[in-house]
N, C-alpha and C. Protein backbone atom coordinates (compact mmCIF):
# COMPACT_ATOMS: atom_id res chain seq x y z
N MET A 1 0.71 -1.17 0.02
CA MET A 1 0.01 -0.07 -0.13
C MET A 1 0.90 1.05 0.04
N ARG A 2 1.85 1.33 1.03
CA ARG A 2 2.75 2.23 1.06
C ARG A 2 3.51 2.57 -0.43
N GLU A 3 3.80 1.55 -1.06
CA GLU A 3 4.73 1.51 -2.21
C GLU A 3 3.83 2.11 -3.31
N LYS A 4 2.57 1.78 -3.35
CA LYS A 4 1.60 2.37 -4.35
C LYS A 4 1.40 3.94 -4.16
N ALA A 5 1.13 4.21 -2.89
CA ALA A 5 1.20 5.64 -2.52
C ALA A 5 2.35 6.48 -2.69
N GLY A 6 3.47 5.87 -2.58
CA GLY A 6 4.77 6.51 -2.94
C GLY A 6 4.90 6.85 -4.55
N ARG A 7 4.62 5.81 -5.19
CA ARG A 7 4.65 6.00 -6.79
C ARG A 7 3.62 6.93 -7.26
N THR A 8 2.48 6.90 -6.56
CA THR A 8 1.36 8.14 -7.07
C THR A 8 1.83 9.25 -6.59
N TRP A 9 2.58 9.59 -5.35
CA TRP A 9 2.88 10.82 -5.12
C TRP A 9 4.13 11.33 -5.71
N ALA A 10 5.04 10.37 -6.26
CA ALA A 10 6.14 10.98 -7.12
C ALA A 10 5.51 11.10 -8.58
N LEU A 11 4.65 10.57 -8.99
CA LEU A 11 3.96 10.87 -10.14
C LEU A 11 3.23 12.31 -10.32
N LEU A 12 2.47 12.67 -9.08
CA LEU A 12 1.88 13.96 -8.87
C LEU A 12 3.13 14.97 -8.94
N ARG A 13 4.11 14.80 -8.11
CA ARG A 13 5.21 15.65 -7.99
C ARG A 13 5.64 16.03 -9.32
N GLY A 14 5.80 15.07 -10.10
CA GLY A 14 6.42 14.99 -11.52
C GLY A 14 5.75 15.83 -12.40
N ARG A 15 4.34 15.58 -12.30
CA ARG A 15 3.50 16.44 -13.13
C ARG A 15 3.21 17.88 -12.63
N CYS A 16 3.39 18.22 -11.54
CA CYS A 16 3.41 19.54 -11.05
C CYS A 16 4.60 20.44 -11.30
N ARG A 17 5.69 19.61 -11.46
CA ARG A 17 6.98 20.37 -11.86
C ARG A 17 7.31 20.65 -13.43
N ARG A 18 6.14 20.27 -14.12
CA ARG A 18 6.45 20.49 -15.70
C ARG A 18 6.30 21.83 -15.78
N ASP A 19 6.86 22.34 -16.92
CA ASP A 19 6.71 23.73 -17.14
C ASP A 19 5.29 24.12 -17.81
N ALA A 20 4.51 24.96 -16.93
CA ALA A 20 3.23 25.28 -17.46
C ALA A 20 3.03 26.52 -18.03
N GLY A 21 4.39 27.19 -18.46
CA GLY A 21 4.14 28.45 -19.12
C GLY A 21 4.00 28.30 -20.58
N MET A 22 3.85 29.44 -21.29
CA MET A 22 3.58 29.62 -22.61
C MET A 22 4.76 29.37 -23.51
N VAL A 23 4.65 28.83 -24.75
CA VAL A 23 5.83 28.67 -25.56
C VAL A 23 5.77 29.79 -26.61
N THR A 24 6.87 30.19 -27.26
CA THR A 24 7.20 31.25 -28.01
C THR A 24 5.81 31.70 -29.04
N SER A 25 5.34 30.65 -29.48
CA SER A 25 4.46 30.91 -30.57
C SER A 25 3.13 31.39 -29.81
N GLU A 26 2.92 30.76 -28.51
CA GLU A 26 1.79 31.26 -27.66
C GLU A 26 1.92 32.85 -27.36
N TYR A 27 3.08 33.10 -27.14
CA TYR A 27 3.53 34.54 -26.62
C TYR A 27 3.21 35.38 -27.86
N ALA A 28 3.67 34.90 -29.06
CA ALA A 28 3.45 35.73 -30.43
C ALA A 28 2.03 35.88 -30.77
N MET A 29 1.13 34.79 -30.46
CA MET A 29 -0.42 34.82 -30.69
C MET A 29 -0.96 35.85 -29.70
N GLY A 30 -0.44 35.87 -28.47
CA GLY A 30 -0.96 36.77 -27.28
C GLY A 30 -0.53 38.09 -27.58
N ILE A 31 0.51 38.47 -28.07
CA ILE A 31 0.84 39.70 -28.46
C ILE A 31 0.03 40.18 -29.61
N ILE A 32 -0.03 39.42 -30.51
CA ILE A 32 -1.10 39.63 -31.86
C ILE A 32 -2.37 40.09 -31.32
N ALA A 33 -2.79 39.31 -30.41
CA ALA A 33 -4.29 39.54 -29.93
C ALA A 33 -4.28 40.99 -29.05
N ALA A 34 -3.45 41.21 -28.39
CA ALA A 34 -3.27 42.33 -27.47
C ALA A 34 -3.30 43.67 -28.54
N VAL A 35 -2.31 43.50 -29.56
CA VAL A 35 -2.16 44.67 -30.44
C VAL A 35 -3.46 44.82 -31.25
N GLY A 36 -4.19 43.79 -31.58
CA GLY A 36 -5.31 43.87 -32.26
C GLY A 36 -6.57 44.56 -31.31
N PHE A 37 -6.56 44.27 -30.20
CA PHE A 37 -7.47 44.72 -29.36
C PHE A 37 -7.08 46.31 -29.05
N ALA A 38 -6.02 46.47 -28.92
CA ALA A 38 -5.56 48.02 -28.67
C ALA A 38 -5.91 48.77 -29.86
N LEU A 39 -5.84 48.24 -31.19
CA LEU A 39 -6.17 49.03 -32.30
C LEU A 39 -7.63 49.34 -32.30
N LEU A 40 -8.32 48.28 -31.94
CA LEU A 40 -9.87 48.46 -32.00
C LEU A 40 -10.25 49.35 -30.94
N LEU A 41 -9.69 49.35 -29.91
CA LEU A 41 -10.03 50.50 -28.71
C LEU A 41 -9.66 51.53 -29.06
N TYR A 42 -8.58 51.87 -29.79
CA TYR A 42 -8.25 53.11 -30.16
C TYR A 42 -9.32 53.77 -31.39
N GLU A 43 -9.61 52.86 -32.03
CA GLU A 43 -10.58 53.37 -33.19
C GLU A 43 -11.89 53.74 -32.66
N VAL A 44 -12.19 52.98 -31.49
CA VAL A 44 -13.61 53.28 -30.97
C VAL A 44 -13.33 54.69 -30.25
N VAL A 45 -12.43 54.80 -29.49
CA VAL A 45 -12.10 56.09 -28.66
C VAL A 45 -11.81 57.29 -29.47
N THR A 46 -11.20 57.07 -30.83
CA THR A 46 -10.95 58.37 -31.51
C THR A 46 -12.18 58.53 -32.50
N SER A 47 -13.37 57.61 -32.59
CA SER A 47 -14.54 57.84 -33.27
C SER A 47 -15.15 59.31 -32.95
N GLY A 48 -15.84 59.75 -34.07
CA GLY A 48 -16.70 61.08 -33.72
C GLY A 48 -17.55 61.01 -32.35
N GLN A 49 -18.33 60.05 -32.22
CA GLN A 49 -19.12 60.13 -31.02
C GLN A 49 -18.51 59.99 -29.85
N VAL A 50 -17.71 58.94 -29.73
CA VAL A 50 -17.04 58.83 -28.57
C VAL A 50 -16.03 59.97 -28.15
N LYS A 51 -15.40 60.56 -29.13
CA LYS A 51 -14.49 61.64 -28.80
C LYS A 51 -15.28 63.01 -28.53
N ALA A 52 -16.46 63.07 -29.00
CA ALA A 52 -17.30 64.29 -28.51
C ALA A 52 -17.48 64.15 -27.07
N GLU A 53 -18.02 62.91 -26.81
CA GLU A 53 -18.55 62.54 -25.30
C GLU A 53 -17.45 62.77 -24.35
N LEU A 54 -16.09 62.26 -24.53
CA LEU A 54 -15.07 62.51 -23.80
C LEU A 54 -14.64 63.82 -23.81
N GLN A 55 -14.60 64.74 -24.78
CA GLN A 55 -14.46 65.96 -24.60
C GLN A 55 -15.30 66.71 -23.73
N GLY A 56 -16.51 66.45 -23.92
CA GLY A 56 -17.72 67.03 -23.02
C GLY A 56 -17.36 66.61 -21.55
N ILE A 57 -17.20 65.40 -21.26
CA ILE A 57 -16.69 65.08 -19.93
C ILE A 57 -15.53 65.92 -19.23
N VAL A 58 -14.34 65.95 -19.98
CA VAL A 58 -13.31 66.77 -19.75
C VAL A 58 -13.67 68.27 -19.49
N LYS A 59 -14.29 68.81 -20.36
CA LYS A 59 -14.78 70.21 -20.42
C LYS A 59 -15.66 70.51 -18.98
N ARG A 60 -16.88 69.62 -18.65
CA ARG A 60 -17.50 69.80 -17.53
C ARG A 60 -16.50 69.68 -16.20
N ALA A 61 -15.49 68.59 -16.20
CA ALA A 61 -14.67 68.35 -15.14
C ALA A 61 -13.83 69.73 -14.91
N LEU A 62 -13.33 70.44 -16.01
CA LEU A 62 -12.36 71.55 -15.84
C LEU A 62 -13.31 72.73 -15.28
N SER A 63 -14.46 72.59 -15.86
CA SER A 63 -15.28 73.98 -15.37
C SER A 63 -15.97 73.86 -14.10
N ALA A 64 -15.79 72.78 -13.57
CA ALA A 64 -16.64 72.54 -12.17
C ALA A 64 -16.11 73.51 -11.03
N ARG A 65 -16.99 73.97 -10.31
CA ARG A 65 -16.43 74.96 -9.22
C ARG A 65 -16.34 73.94 -7.87
N MET A 66 -15.26 74.40 -7.18
CA MET A 66 -14.84 73.63 -5.95
C MET A 66 -15.38 74.25 -4.87
């Protein structure tokens, strides 16, 4: 019984010690996805409607009395 438990424990330790990080291709795909999302967000923020709303918010904040 102890022998079986010892082998099971050794197997679990070996699996937990494996490299669980991303490989280079996964990093590349992650970077491409992040850049794509950033470009999409930039396009939305610089669109006419959103830009006007953001400018309105900033103007109200700067003209507020304290």
